[in-house]
């Protein structure tokens, strides 16, 4: 819940925020590397001012 509150505050302040899970981040980066799209993937995750990664258990 803290990550959602921080993300919401950042959005309210006009910042770009991206929410993802650690597993999704790893899967997308792995797939992009295999397909030769690593730089595109990195721009996606490096673009927002705040990147919030949730860890599922």
PDB file of N, CA and C in Angstrom:
ATOM      1  N   UNK A   1       0.812  -1.188   0.000  1.00  0.00           N
ATOM      2  CA  UNK A   1       0.000   0.000   0.000  1.00  0.00           C
ATOM      3  C   UNK A   1       0.862   1.261   0.000  1.00  0.00           C
ATOM      4  N   UNK A   2       2.023   1.167   0.598  1.00  0.00           N
ATOM      5  CA  UNK A   2       2.914   2.320   0.616  1.00  0.00           C
ATOM      6  C   UNK A   2       3.348   2.681  -0.796  1.00  0.00           C
ATOM      7  N   UNK A   3       3.643   1.677  -1.615  1.00  0.00           N
ATOM      8  CA  UNK A   3       4.086   1.964  -2.981  1.00  0.00           C
ATOM      9  C   UNK A   3       2.979   2.631  -3.790  1.00  0.00           C
ATOM     10  N   UNK A   4       1.741   2.227  -3.569  1.00  0.00           N
ATOM     11  CA  UNK A   4       0.625   2.848  -4.276  1.00  0.00           C
ATOM     12  C   UNK A   4       0.479   4.308  -3.837  1.00  0.00           C
ATOM     13  N   UNK A   5       0.596   4.560  -2.546  1.00  0.00           N
ATOM     14  CA  UNK A   5       0.488   5.932  -2.030  1.00  0.00           C
ATOM     15  C   UNK A   5       1.615   6.808  -2.574  1.00  0.00           C
ATOM     16  N   UNK A   6       2.837   6.293  -2.607  1.00  0.00           N
ATOM     17  CA  UNK A   6       3.963   7.055  -3.149  1.00  0.00           C
ATOM     18  C   UNK A   6       3.779   7.316  -4.639  1.00  0.00           C
ATOM     19  N   UNK A   7       3.317   6.295  -5.353  1.00  0.00           N
ATOM     20  CA  UNK A   7       3.064   6.454  -6.781  1.00  0.00           C
ATOM     21  C   UNK A   7       1.995   7.483  -7.048  1.00  0.00           C
ATOM     22  N   UNK A   8       0.930   7.436  -6.267  1.00  0.00           N
ATOM     23  CA  UNK A   8      -0.166   8.396  -6.432  1.00  0.00           C
ATOM     24  C   UNK A   8       0.308   9.827  -6.154  1.00  0.00           C
ATOM     25  N   UNK A   9       1.116   9.990  -5.116  1.00  0.00           N
ATOM     26  CA  UNK A   9       1.647  11.310  -4.787  1.00  0.00           C
ATOM     27  C   UNK A   9       2.532  11.833  -5.922  1.00  0.00           C
ATOM     28  N   UNK A  10       3.315  10.954  -6.515  1.00  0.00           N
ATOM     29  CA  UNK A  10       4.173  11.353  -7.632  1.00  0.00           C
ATOM     30  C   UNK A  10       3.335  11.768  -8.834  1.00  0.00           C
ATOM     31  N   UNK A  11       2.286  11.005  -9.135  1.00  0.00           N
ATOM     32  CA  UNK A  11       1.394  11.347 -10.248  1.00  0.00           C
ATOM     33  C   UNK A  11       0.715  12.685  -9.979  1.00  0.00           C
ATOM     34  N   UNK A  12       0.244  12.880  -8.758  1.00  0.00           N
ATOM     35  CA  UNK A  12      -0.402  14.146  -8.395  1.00  0.00           C
ATOM     36  C   UNK A  12       0.563  15.324  -8.522  1.00  0.00           C
ATOM     37  N   UNK A  13       1.848  15.063  -8.356  1.00  0.00           N
ATOM     38  CA  UNK A  13       2.867  16.106  -8.493  1.00  0.00           C
ATOM     39  C   UNK A  13       3.307  16.295  -9.952  1.00  0.00           C
ATOM     40  N   UNK A  14       2.673  15.555 -10.866  1.00  0.00           N
ATOM     41  CA  UNK A  14       2.977  15.712 -12.285  1.00  0.00           C
ATOM     42  C   UNK A  14       4.096  14.826 -12.800  1.00  0.00           C
ATOM     43  N   UNK A  15       4.502  13.849 -12.033  1.00  0.00           N
ATOM     44  CA  UNK A  15       5.583  12.943 -12.446  1.00  0.00           C
ATOM     45  C   UNK A  15       5.016  11.721 -13.154  1.00  0.00           C
ATOM     46  N   UNK A  16       5.813  11.152 -14.043  1.00  0.00           N
ATOM     47  CA  UNK A  16       5.435   9.893 -14.694  1.00  0.00           C
ATOM     48  C   UNK A  16       5.857   8.738 -13.802  1.00  0.00           C
ATOM     49  N   UNK A  17       4.963   7.774 -13.641  1.00  0.00           N
ATOM     50  CA  UNK A  17       5.200   6.629 -12.755  1.00  0.00           C
ATOM     51  C   UNK A  17       4.885   5.357 -13.518  1.00  0.00           C
ATOM     52  N   UNK A  18       5.679   4.322 -13.293  1.00  0.00           N
ATOM     53  CA  UNK A  18       5.433   3.017 -13.906  1.00  0.00           C
ATOM     54  C   UNK A  18       5.423   1.973 -12.805  1.00  0.00           C
ATOM     55  N   UNK A  19       4.350   1.202 -12.733  1.00  0.00           N
ATOM     56  CA  UNK A  19       4.219   0.105 -11.780  1.00  0.00           C
ATOM     57  C   UNK A  19       4.456  -1.212 -12.504  1.00  0.00           C
ATOM     58  N   UNK A  20       5.213  -2.101 -11.901  1.00  0.00           N
ATOM     59  CA  UNK A  20       5.440  -3.434 -12.458  1.00  0.00           C
ATOM     60  C   UNK A  20       5.842  -4.372 -11.330  1.00  0.00           C
ATOM     61  N   UNK A  21       5.921  -5.652 -11.638  1.00  0.00           N
ATOM     62  CA  UNK A  21       6.463  -6.611 -10.682  1.00  0.00           C
ATOM     63  C   UNK A  21       7.895  -6.924 -11.087  1.00  0.00           C
ATOM     64  N   UNK A  22       8.658  -7.413 -10.156  1.00  0.00           N
ATOM     65  CA  UNK A  22      10.042  -7.791 -10.460  1.00  0.00           C
ATOM     66  C   UNK A  22      10.065  -8.902 -11.511  1.00  0.00           C
ATOM     67  N   UNK A  23       9.132  -9.835 -11.396  1.00  0.00           N
ATOM     68  CA  UNK A  23       9.078 -10.943 -12.360  1.00  0.00           C
ATOM     69  C   UNK A  23       8.759 -10.441 -13.762  1.00  0.00           C
ATOM     70  N   UNK A  24       7.815  -9.509 -13.879  1.00  0.00           N
ATOM     71  CA  UNK A  24       7.461  -8.949 -15.182  1.00  0.00           C
ATOM     72  C   UNK A  24       8.621  -8.155 -15.768  1.00  0.00           C
ATOM     73  N   UNK A  25       9.307  -7.392 -14.940  1.00  0.00           N
ATOM     74  CA  UNK A  25      10.468  -6.632 -15.391  1.00  0.00           C
ATOM     75  C   UNK A  25      11.531  -7.572 -15.954  1.00  0.00           C
ATOM     76  N   UNK A  26      11.835  -8.626 -15.218  1.00  0.00           N
ATOM     77  CA  UNK A  26      12.842  -9.590 -15.671  1.00  0.00           C
ATOM     78  C   UNK A  26      12.410 -10.278 -16.958  1.00  0.00           C
ATOM     79  N   UNK A  27      11.148 -10.676 -17.036  1.00  0.00           N
ATOM     80  CA  UNK A  27      10.648 -11.376 -18.229  1.00  0.00           C
ATOM     81  C   UNK A  27      10.689 -10.466 -19.459  1.00  0.00           C
ATOM     82  N   UNK A  28      10.265  -9.220 -19.293  1.00  0.00           N
ATOM     83  CA  UNK A  28      10.271  -8.296 -20.429  1.00  0.00           C
ATOM     84  C   UNK A  28      11.685  -7.987 -20.894  1.00  0.00           C
ATOM     85  N   UNK A  29      12.608  -7.802 -19.954  1.00  0.00           N
ATOM     86  CA  UNK A  29      13.995  -7.532 -20.327  1.00  0.00           C
ATOM     87  C   UNK A  29      14.629  -8.734 -21.005  1.00  0.00           C
ATOM     88  N   UNK A  30      14.348  -9.916 -20.506  1.00  0.00           N
ATOM     89  CA  UNK A  30      14.888 -11.144 -21.113  1.00  0.00           C
ATOM     90  C   UNK A  30      14.370 -11.300 -22.544  1.00  0.00           C
ATOM     91  N   UNK A  31      13.065 -11.145 -22.725  1.00  0.00           N
ATOM     92  CA  UNK A  31      12.473 -11.270 -24.058  1.00  0.00           C
ATOM     93  C   UNK A  31      13.048 -10.219 -25.011  1.00  0.00           C
ATOM     94  N   UNK A  32      13.179  -8.989 -24.525  1.00  0.00           N
ATOM     95  CA  UNK A  32      13.720  -7.913 -25.363  1.00  0.00           C
ATOM     96  C   UNK A  32      15.160  -8.215 -25.771  1.00  0.00           C
ATOM     97  N   UNK A  33      15.947  -8.751 -24.848  1.00  0.00           N
ATOM     98  CA  UNK A  33      17.340  -9.090 -25.170  1.00  0.00           C
ATOM     99  C   UNK A  33      17.396 -10.168 -26.242  1.00  0.00           C
ATOM    100  N   UNK A  34      16.530 -11.160 -26.131  1.00  0.00           N
ATOM    101  CA  UNK A  34      16.501 -12.240 -27.125  1.00  0.00           C
ATOM    102  C   UNK A  34      16.075 -11.726 -28.500  1.00  0.00           C
ATOM    103  N   UNK A  35      15.207 -10.724 -28.518  1.00  0.00           N
ATOM    104  CA  UNK A  35      14.688 -10.182 -29.774  1.00  0.00           C
ATOM    105  C   UNK A  35      15.509  -8.997 -30.297  1.00  0.00           C
ATOM    106  N   UNK A  36      16.581  -8.649 -29.599  1.00  0.00           N
ATOM    107  CA  UNK A  36      17.424  -7.542 -30.043  1.00  0.00           C
ATOM    108  C   UNK A  36      16.810  -6.173 -29.789  1.00  0.00           C
ATOM    109  N   UNK A  37      15.916  -6.086 -28.797  1.00  0.00           N
ATOM    110  CA  UNK A  37      15.248  -4.821 -28.488  1.00  0.00           C
ATOM    111  C   UNK A  37      15.621  -4.324 -27.092  1.00  0.00           C
ATOM    112  N   UNK A  38      16.818  -4.588 -26.646  1.00  0.00           N
ATOM    113  CA  UNK A  38      17.240  -4.236 -25.290  1.00  0.00           C
ATOM    114  C   UNK A  38      17.127  -2.737 -25.022  1.00  0.00           C
ATOM    115  N   UNK A  39      17.596  -1.904 -25.935  1.00  0.00           N
ATOM    116  CA  UNK A  39      17.572  -0.454 -25.731  1.00  0.00           C
ATOM    117  C   UNK A  39      16.137   0.069 -25.608  1.00  0.00           C
ATOM    118  N   UNK A  40      15.249  -0.471 -26.416  1.00  0.00           N
ATOM    119  CA  UNK A  40      13.839  -0.066 -26.340  1.00  0.00           C
ATOM    120  C   UNK A  40      13.264  -0.413 -24.976  1.00  0.00           C
ATOM    121  N   UNK A  41      13.572  -1.582 -24.480  1.00  0.00           N
ATOM    122  CA  UNK A  41      13.090  -2.023 -23.171  1.00  0.00           C
ATOM    123  C   UNK A  41      13.638  -1.118 -22.067  1.00  0.00           C
ATOM    124  N   UNK A  42      14.894  -0.778 -22.144  1.00  0.00           N
ATOM    125  CA  UNK A  42      15.499   0.079 -21.126  1.00  0.00           C
ATOM    126  C   UNK A  42      14.899   1.478 -21.140  1.00  0.00           C
ATOM    127  N   UNK A  43      14.558   1.985 -22.326  1.00  0.00           N
ATOM    128  CA  UNK A  43      13.913   3.301 -22.395  1.00  0.00           C
ATOM    129  C   UNK A  43      12.547   3.268 -21.720  1.00  0.00           C
ATOM    130  N   UNK A  44      11.823   2.162 -21.869  1.00  0.00           N
ATOM    131  CA  UNK A  44      10.516   2.028 -21.232  1.00  0.00           C
ATOM    132  C   UNK A  44      10.646   2.154 -19.712  1.00  0.00           C
ATOM    133  N   UNK A  45      11.606   1.446 -19.132  1.00  0.00           N
ATOM    134  CA  UNK A  45      11.733   1.433 -17.679  1.00  0.00           C
ATOM    135  C   UNK A  45      12.518   2.630 -17.135  1.00  0.00           C
ATOM    136  N   UNK A  46      13.337   3.253 -17.961  1.00  0.00           N
ATOM    137  CA  UNK A  46      14.110   4.405 -17.506  1.00  0.00           C
ATOM    138  C   UNK A  46      13.373   5.724 -17.728  1.00  0.00           C
ATOM    139  N   UNK A  47      12.305   5.706 -18.518  1.00  0.00           N
ATOM    140  CA  UNK A  47      11.580   6.923 -18.846  1.00  0.00           C
ATOM    141  C   UNK A  47      10.865   7.590 -17.687  1.00  0.00           C
ATOM    142  N   UNK A  48      10.100   6.838 -16.906  1.00  0.00           N
ATOM    143  CA  UNK A  48       9.356   7.474 -15.817  1.00  0.00           C
ATOM    144  C   UNK A  48      10.279   8.012 -14.731  1.00  0.00           C
ATOM    145  N   UNK A  49       9.801   9.019 -14.026  1.00  0.00           N
ATOM    146  CA  UNK A  49      10.570   9.590 -12.918  1.00  0.00           C
ATOM    147  C   UNK A  49      10.639   8.599 -11.753  1.00  0.00           C
ATOM    148  N   UNK A  50       9.597   7.762 -11.629  1.00  0.00           N
ATOM    149  CA  UNK A  50       9.522   6.797 -10.536  1.00  0.00           C
ATOM    150  C   UNK A  50       9.146   5.434 -11.089  1.00  0.00           C
ATOM    151  N   UNK A  51       9.933   4.435 -10.790  1.00  0.00           N
ATOM    152  CA  UNK A  51       9.654   3.053 -11.170  1.00  0.00           C
ATOM    153  C   UNK A  51       9.375   2.280  -9.888  1.00  0.00           C
ATOM    154  N   UNK A  52       8.180   1.713  -9.789  1.00  0.00           N
ATOM    155  CA  UNK A  52       7.797   0.959  -8.592  1.00  0.00           C
ATOM    156  C   UNK A  52       7.702  -0.513  -8.977  1.00  0.00           C
ATOM    157  N   UNK A  53       8.521  -1.333  -8.307  1.00  0.00           N
ATOM    158  CA  UNK A  53       8.503  -2.772  -8.556  1.00  0.00           C
ATOM    159  C   UNK A  53       7.950  -3.487  -7.329  1.00  0.00           C
ATOM    160  N   UNK A  54       6.902  -4.236  -7.533  1.00  0.00           N
ATOM    161  CA  UNK A  54       6.339  -5.035  -6.463  1.00  0.00           C
ATOM    162  C   UNK A  54       6.978  -6.423  -6.500  1.00  0.00           C
ATOM    163  N   UNK A  55       7.163  -7.012  -5.355  1.00  0.00           N
ATOM    164  CA  UNK A  55       7.709  -8.356  -5.257  1.00  0.00           C
ATOM    165  C   UNK A  55       6.603  -9.279  -4.785  1.00  0.00           C
ATOM    166  N   UNK A  56       6.248 -10.218  -5.634  1.00  0.00           N
ATOM    167  CA  UNK A  56       5.184 -11.161  -5.276  1.00  0.00           C
ATOM    168  C   UNK A  56       5.773 -12.299  -4.448  1.00  0.00           C
ATOM    169  N   UNK A  57       4.968 -12.814  -3.557  1.00  0.00           N
ATOM    170  CA  UNK A  57       5.426 -13.959  -2.769  1.00  0.00           C
ATOM    171  C   UNK A  57       4.439 -15.052  -2.792  1.00  0.00           C
TER     172      UNK A  57
END
